[in-house]
Protein backbone atom coordinates (compact mmCIF):
# COMPACT_ATOMS: atom_id res chain seq x y z
CA MET A 1 67.69 167.77 39.46
CA PRO A 2 70.96 167.76 38.12
CA PRO A 3 72.60 163.94 38.75
CA ALA A 4 75.36 163.85 42.09
CA PRO A 5 78.54 163.94 41.57
CA SER A 6 80.25 160.69 40.66
CA GLY A 7 82.60 160.68 43.84
CA LEU A 8 79.23 160.26 46.31
CA ILE A 9 77.34 157.04 46.94
CA LYS A 10 73.63 157.41 46.50
CA PRO A 11 71.83 158.25 49.81
CA VAL A 12 69.84 155.07 51.26
CA ASN A 13 65.89 155.88 50.97
CA GLY A 14 66.83 159.52 50.61
CA SER A 15 68.07 159.79 54.35
CA LYS A 16 70.08 162.05 55.62
CA HIS A 17 72.66 160.02 56.93
CA GLY A 18 72.95 158.30 53.57
CA ASP A 19 74.24 161.88 52.20
CA GLN A 20 76.70 161.39 55.24
CA LEU A 21 77.89 157.87 54.77
CA GLY A 22 78.15 159.17 50.50
CA LEU A 23 80.39 162.33 51.27
CA GLN A 24 82.68 160.35 53.31
CA ALA A 25 83.21 157.92 50.78
CA ALA A 26 84.04 160.21 48.31
CA MET A 27 86.21 162.00 50.46
CA ALA A 28 88.40 158.71 51.15
CA ARG A 29 88.37 158.11 47.23
CA LYS A 30 89.84 161.53 46.46
CA HIS A 31 92.26 162.14 49.31
CA GLY A 32 93.07 158.28 50.01
CA PHE A 33 93.70 157.83 53.97
CA PRO A 34 95.65 159.94 56.05
CA LYS A 35 99.34 159.75 56.91
CA LEU A 36 100.32 157.72 60.07
CA SER A 37 102.59 159.74 62.33
CA ALA A 38 105.52 157.67 63.81
CA SER A 39 103.50 157.18 67.31
CA SER A 40 100.76 156.24 66.03
CA LYS A 41 102.66 153.42 63.60
CA ALA A 42 104.51 152.33 67.38
CA LEU A 43 100.60 152.40 68.29
CA VAL A 44 99.52 149.83 66.02
CA LEU A 45 103.00 147.71 65.94
CA LEU A 46 103.18 147.36 69.91
CA PRO A 47 99.74 144.66 70.11
CA LEU A 48 101.00 142.57 67.03
CA LEU A 49 104.50 142.32 69.03
CA LEU A 50 103.32 141.33 71.94
CA LEU A 51 100.75 138.66 70.18
CA GLY A 52 104.23 137.14 68.86
CA PHE A 53 106.06 137.32 72.15
CA ILE A 54 103.25 135.34 73.35
CA TYR A 55 103.25 132.65 71.10
CA LEU A 56 106.98 132.24 70.51
CA PHE A 57 108.06 132.29 74.07
CA VAL A 58 104.94 132.14 76.68
CA TYR A 59 103.39 129.21 75.87
CA PRO A 60 106.22 126.70 74.76
CA LYS A 61 107.22 127.57 78.55
CA GLU A 62 103.98 126.89 79.84
CA PHE A 63 103.79 123.76 77.99
CA GLU A 64 107.04 122.71 79.48
CA LEU A 65 105.88 123.83 83.08
CA GLN A 66 102.82 121.50 82.64
CA ALA A 67 105.33 118.51 81.45
CA LEU A 68 107.72 118.88 84.47
CA MET A 69 104.78 119.07 86.55
CA SER A 70 103.38 115.85 85.40
CA SER A 71 106.34 114.10 85.88
CA CYS A 72 106.98 115.07 89.44
CA SER A 73 103.31 113.56 89.76
CA PRO A 74 102.96 110.57 92.24
CA PRO A 75 102.18 107.38 89.77
CA ARG A 76 99.07 105.09 90.84
CA GLY A 77 99.69 102.21 92.82
CA ALA A 78 102.83 104.58 94.85
CA TYR A 79 103.12 102.08 97.37
CA THR A 80 105.74 99.73 95.32
CA ALA A 81 109.54 99.65 95.63
CA ALA A 82 111.84 99.28 92.99
CA PRO A 83 115.34 97.41 93.34
CA ARG A 84 118.25 98.89 94.85
CA ARG A 85 121.46 99.19 92.55
CA ARG A 86 124.48 97.21 93.63
CA ALA A 87 127.77 99.47 93.96
CA GLY A 88 129.07 99.66 90.41
CA GLU A 89 125.87 99.20 88.39
CA PRO A 90 124.76 101.46 85.78
CA ALA A 91 121.22 103.21 86.93
CA ALA A 92 118.11 101.71 85.65
CA SER A 93 120.46 98.17 85.06
CA ARG A 94 119.49 96.40 87.76
CA LYS A 95 116.51 94.27 87.38
CA PRO A 96 114.67 92.84 90.88
CA ASP A 97 115.54 89.66 92.25
CA PHE A 98 111.92 88.70 92.12
CA ARG A 99 108.47 90.34 92.31
CA LEU A 100 106.03 90.33 95.04
CA LEU A 101 102.41 91.29 95.60
CA ILE A 102 101.15 91.81 99.50
CA GLY A 103 97.40 91.82 99.61
CA VAL A 104 96.38 93.21 103.21
CA LEU A 105 92.97 91.82 103.52
CA THR A 106 90.96 94.58 105.35
CA ARG A 107 87.92 96.17 105.17
CA ALA A 108 86.43 99.22 103.25
CA ASP A 109 85.45 101.35 106.62
CA SER A 110 88.90 100.78 107.83
CA TYR A 111 90.24 104.11 107.03
CA GLU A 112 92.29 105.07 109.66
CA ARG A 113 94.09 101.75 109.43
CA ARG A 114 94.67 102.24 106.21
CA HIS A 115 96.35 105.30 106.25
CA LEU A 116 98.68 103.69 109.02
CA LEU A 117 99.79 101.21 106.93
CA ARG A 118 100.34 103.41 104.07
CA MET A 119 102.92 105.30 106.22
CA VAL A 120 104.58 102.19 107.65
CA TYR A 121 104.95 100.75 104.00
CA GLY A 122 105.36 103.67 102.12
CA LEU A 123 108.46 105.15 104.10
CA GLN A 124 109.89 101.15 103.97
CA LEU A 125 109.15 101.59 100.32
CA ALA A 126 110.79 104.68 99.56
CA ALA A 127 114.20 104.19 101.41
CA GLY A 128 115.19 102.41 98.20
CA ASP A 129 117.07 99.74 100.12
CA LEU A 130 114.81 96.55 98.51
CA THR A 131 116.33 94.61 96.18
CA ALA A 132 112.79 92.95 95.21
CA HIS A 133 110.20 95.03 93.71
CA VAL A 134 107.38 95.12 96.26
CA ASP A 135 103.77 96.41 95.40
CA VAL A 136 101.06 96.56 98.41
CA ARG A 137 97.49 96.47 97.92
CA PHE A 138 94.64 96.72 100.24
CA VAL A 139 91.55 94.30 99.40
CA PHE A 140 87.98 94.33 100.61
CA CYS A 141 84.77 92.99 99.08
CA ARG A 142 82.05 95.16 97.33
CA LEU A 143 80.87 98.82 98.62
CA TYR A 144 77.80 98.71 100.40
CA LYS A 145 77.62 101.96 102.02
CA ASP A 146 77.07 105.36 100.50
CA ASP A 147 80.44 107.16 101.98
CA GLN A 148 82.18 103.91 100.84
CA ARG A 149 81.26 104.69 97.50
CA VAL A 150 82.22 108.38 97.75
CA LEU A 151 85.76 107.89 100.39
CA VAL A 152 87.13 104.73 98.70
CA PRO A 153 87.23 106.21 95.31
CA LEU A 154 88.94 109.24 96.53
CA GLU A 155 91.93 106.55 97.85
CA ILE A 156 91.82 104.99 95.10
CA LEU A 157 92.24 108.45 93.31
CA ILE A 158 95.17 109.88 95.05
CA HIS A 159 96.61 106.34 96.34
CA GLY A 160 95.59 103.80 93.33
CA ASP A 161 96.70 100.60 95.95
CA VAL A 162 93.02 99.03 96.45
CA ILE A 163 91.41 96.01 94.99
CA ILE A 164 87.81 95.36 94.97
CA LEU A 165 86.88 92.11 94.97
CA ASP A 166 83.18 91.30 93.34
CA ASP A 167 82.20 87.93 94.29
CA CYS A 168 82.75 87.71 97.85
CA GLU A 169 80.94 88.56 101.19
CA GLU A 170 83.10 90.22 103.33
CA ASN A 171 83.71 87.73 105.81
CA LEU A 172 87.37 86.50 106.00
CA ASN A 173 86.41 83.00 106.42
CA GLY A 174 83.87 82.82 103.95
CA GLY A 175 85.46 82.43 100.70
CA LYS A 176 87.19 86.07 100.68
CA THR A 177 90.87 84.29 100.64
CA TYR A 178 90.23 82.14 97.60
CA THR A 179 88.70 84.80 96.23
CA PHE A 180 91.80 87.47 96.48
CA PHE A 181 94.00 84.09 94.79
CA SER A 182 91.94 83.33 91.99
CA SER A 183 90.99 87.47 91.33
CA VAL A 184 94.95 87.96 91.77
CA ALA A 185 95.92 85.21 88.94
CA ARG A 186 93.69 86.94 86.76
CA LEU A 187 93.57 90.72 87.28
CA TYR A 188 98.01 90.13 86.94
CA SER A 189 98.22 87.46 84.50
CA ASP A 190 99.93 89.99 82.14
CA GLU A 191 102.40 90.32 84.57
CA PRO A 192 102.66 87.94 87.18
CA TYR A 193 104.66 88.42 90.26
CA ASP A 194 107.18 85.20 91.88
CA TYR A 195 105.24 85.23 95.32
CA VAL A 196 101.61 86.66 96.48
CA MET A 197 100.97 87.12 100.05
CA LYS A 198 97.96 87.21 102.02
CA ALA A 199 98.80 89.19 104.94
CA ASP A 200 95.85 90.88 108.15
CA ASP A 201 95.63 94.75 108.45
CA ASP A 202 97.04 94.12 112.00
CA ILE A 203 100.45 92.65 110.99
CA PHE A 204 103.99 94.65 110.77
CA PHE A 205 106.03 93.63 108.21
CA ARG A 206 109.75 94.52 108.11
CA LEU A 207 110.06 94.04 104.44
CA PRO A 208 113.88 94.61 104.08
CA ARG A 209 113.65 91.19 106.50
CA LEU A 210 111.20 89.86 104.86
CA VAL A 211 112.62 90.08 101.31
CA GLN A 212 115.84 88.71 102.59
CA SER A 213 114.10 86.17 104.23
CA LEU A 214 112.11 84.97 100.74
CA GLY A 215 115.38 85.88 98.32
CA GLY A 216 116.18 82.19 98.91
CA MET A 217 113.36 80.57 98.11
CA PRO A 218 112.08 78.35 95.29
CA ARG A 219 109.75 80.24 92.80
CA GLN A 220 107.56 76.80 92.38
CA ASP A 221 105.35 75.23 94.48
CA MET A 222 106.65 77.39 97.42
CA TYR A 223 104.48 78.05 100.92
CA TYR A 224 105.84 80.40 103.20
CA GLY A 225 104.83 81.56 106.68
CA ALA A 226 104.54 80.95 110.41
CA THR A 227 103.48 77.56 110.92
CA ILE A 228 100.60 76.40 113.22
CA PRO A 229 100.18 75.05 115.39
CA CYS A 230 102.03 77.40 117.75
CA ASP A 231 104.58 74.86 120.06
CA SER A 232 105.41 73.41 116.37
CA MET A 233 108.19 74.44 114.17
CA ASP A 234 107.01 71.88 111.42
CA PRO A 235 105.96 73.49 108.16
CA PHE A 236 104.57 70.05 106.99
CA HIS A 237 102.43 69.27 110.20
CA GLU A 238 99.31 71.65 109.74
CA TYR A 239 99.46 75.05 107.91
CA MET A 240 100.78 78.51 108.11
CA SER A 241 99.11 80.91 110.11
CA GLY A 242 96.54 83.47 108.79
CA MET A 243 98.68 86.72 110.01
CA GLY A 244 100.54 86.61 107.03
CA TYR A 245 101.33 83.29 104.42
CA ALA A 246 102.85 83.57 100.98
CA LEU A 247 102.23 81.16 97.59
CA SER A 248 104.52 80.59 94.48
CA TRP A 249 102.94 82.50 91.20
CA ASP A 250 101.96 78.97 90.27
CA LEU A 251 100.29 78.07 93.26
CA VAL A 252 98.52 81.21 92.98
CA GLU A 253 97.19 80.07 89.60
CA TRP A 254 96.58 76.37 90.57
CA VAL A 255 94.05 78.20 93.22
CA ALA A 256 92.28 79.83 90.45
CA THR A 257 91.80 76.74 88.37
CA SER A 258 91.24 73.93 90.39
CA ASP A 259 88.18 72.07 91.90
CA VAL A 260 90.02 71.71 95.03
CA PRO A 261 89.99 75.22 96.64
CA ARG A 262 86.92 76.03 94.59
CA ASN A 263 84.35 73.75 96.14
CA ARG A 264 86.17 74.16 99.63
CA THR A 265 86.09 78.09 100.46
CA VAL A 266 84.45 78.33 103.90
CA GLY A 267 86.09 77.44 107.03
CA PRO A 268 89.03 79.33 109.05
CA GLU A 269 91.01 80.64 106.04
CA ASP A 270 94.00 79.57 107.03
CA ARG A 271 93.50 76.55 107.65
CA MET A 272 91.55 76.02 104.28
CA THR A 273 94.35 77.17 102.05
CA GLY A 274 96.89 74.51 104.22
CA GLN A 275 94.17 72.08 102.87
CA TRP A 276 93.94 73.08 99.64
CA LEU A 277 97.94 72.18 98.88
CA ARG A 278 97.49 68.66 100.64
CA LEU A 279 94.47 67.39 98.70
CA GLY A 280 96.11 68.86 96.02
CA GLY A 281 99.48 67.76 96.54
CA LYS A 282 100.99 71.12 96.73
CA GLY A 283 103.34 72.95 98.34
CA ARG A 284 106.26 70.41 98.46
CA ASN A 285 108.57 73.66 99.21
CA ARG A 286 107.87 74.67 102.32
CA PHE A 287 109.34 77.41 104.63
CA ASN A 288 108.83 78.35 108.35
CA ALA A 289 109.68 81.82 108.69
CA LYS A 290 109.05 81.44 112.97
CA PRO A 291 110.25 82.63 115.13
CA ALA A 292 110.83 85.84 113.21
CA MET A 293 107.30 86.36 112.98
CA TYR A 294 105.26 86.34 115.63
CA ASP A 295 102.21 88.10 117.32
CA TYR A 296 102.51 90.75 119.86
CA PRO A 297 104.17 90.16 123.05
CA LEU A 298 101.58 90.02 125.62
CA PRO A 299 101.99 90.38 129.74
CA VAL A 300 100.47 86.83 130.14
CA PRO A 301 101.49 84.89 126.79
CA VAL A 302 98.11 82.26 125.81
CA ASP A 303 100.46 80.26 123.60
CA LYS A 304 103.62 80.11 122.09
CA CYS A 305 103.11 82.12 118.78
CA SER A 306 103.50 85.33 121.36
CA HIS A 307 107.11 86.50 122.54
CA GLU A 308 109.67 89.49 123.62
CA LEU A 309 110.39 91.49 120.21
CA VAL A 310 113.47 91.15 118.94
CA PRO A 311 115.71 92.25 116.49
CA ASP A 312 115.94 89.99 113.50
CA THR A 313 112.06 90.21 113.34
CA ILE A 314 110.18 89.51 109.79
CA ALA A 315 106.57 90.20 111.22
CA VAL A 316 104.61 91.33 114.35
CA HIS A 317 100.90 90.28 114.41
CA ARG A 318 97.90 91.26 116.88
CA LEU A 319 98.26 94.76 116.76
CA LYS A 320 94.79 95.73 117.16
CA ASP A 321 95.54 99.12 118.06
CA ASN A 322 97.67 102.70 118.28
CA PRO A 323 99.51 102.05 121.18
CA ARG A 324 100.90 98.46 119.74
CA TRP A 325 101.63 99.76 116.36
CA ALA A 326 103.54 102.80 118.60
CA GLU A 327 105.14 100.71 120.84
CA VAL A 328 106.61 97.93 118.04
CA LEU A 329 107.68 101.29 115.53
CA LYS A 330 109.74 102.66 118.82
CA TYR A 331 111.40 99.37 119.07
CA PHE A 332 112.54 99.63 115.52
CA ASN A 333 113.34 103.25 115.80
CA PHE A 334 110.86 103.78 112.70
CA THR A 335 110.97 107.66 113.15
CA ALA A 336 115.20 107.98 113.87
CA ARG A 337 115.02 109.68 110.53
CA ILE A 338 113.02 112.75 111.38
CA VAL A 339 114.79 115.89 111.79
CA PRO A 340 114.61 118.99 113.88
CA SER A 341 112.21 121.77 112.76
CA LYS A 342 110.81 125.27 113.92
CA PHE A 343 108.01 123.94 112.76
CA TYR A 344 106.97 121.24 115.61
CA LYS A 345 108.61 119.93 118.65
CA ILE A 346 108.21 116.39 119.97
CA ASP A 347 109.65 115.50 123.33
């Protein structure tokens, strides 16, 4: 058999398929690849141009959009007020007069109450008319139920305004207040507040009035609230009502480190706080916020802690149900900014 022509590839295993491959290769070497027409070139170049366009223009815009969406997302701990700028001040130059942390001591199961309080305080903080930095946090002890371990983390993901105390039982008079103050001293030691306020979850604070009232207070050794007993206006007589009272930061640190409160944690929490300060010789700067802090007006008052709603109110306590909340919020015209819309009708 004569040798195969030099341009052909030898067949593989003598197969017919190998002969066809060899013939195709020889023709390619002899004649080269065919010339492309203009339309064929366009078909080849068009995908390359499309890929270049996507790389240069589409992806950068996508990254810009993602960055814009991230910058518009609400920060964790959204219930925070930045200080109001005074007239003539450039943006971002106004420093707060002071920093206030309000810890609302509540229970993990009180989802509806926290929702209401977030609206009430969120609207006030968003108004931008406070001269202080105010943070509102919801405080409770360990989570005991399976549903709490799912639903409370949802709140944390959305709002970022929850503090869960590990070393306490869910009993306000069983040491929870002590654990709150001592934990706050540790948690915020790198960026301390000027004042820390313990508050019940059935009290309504008008934050502008509260900030105005605290604005003139000393930053050291300060104890602020509504005096007990109800018929007393002397802040040194007994102690401040548990509805809501504030300690200056140095007192919060003292509570966290002193044996005086550590060994006296069980009992009516507001009375125990007053006892700590008395035994420790602390709280020499005391201020009574009555009659601007008071209990909800009852048809038949049981004591002098309760009286009619007044315009210069700082706080109203014992709002145990939604009708009471609605009455108080209506009195202070809380929904005045709502605008007419085709999507709702409120008679």
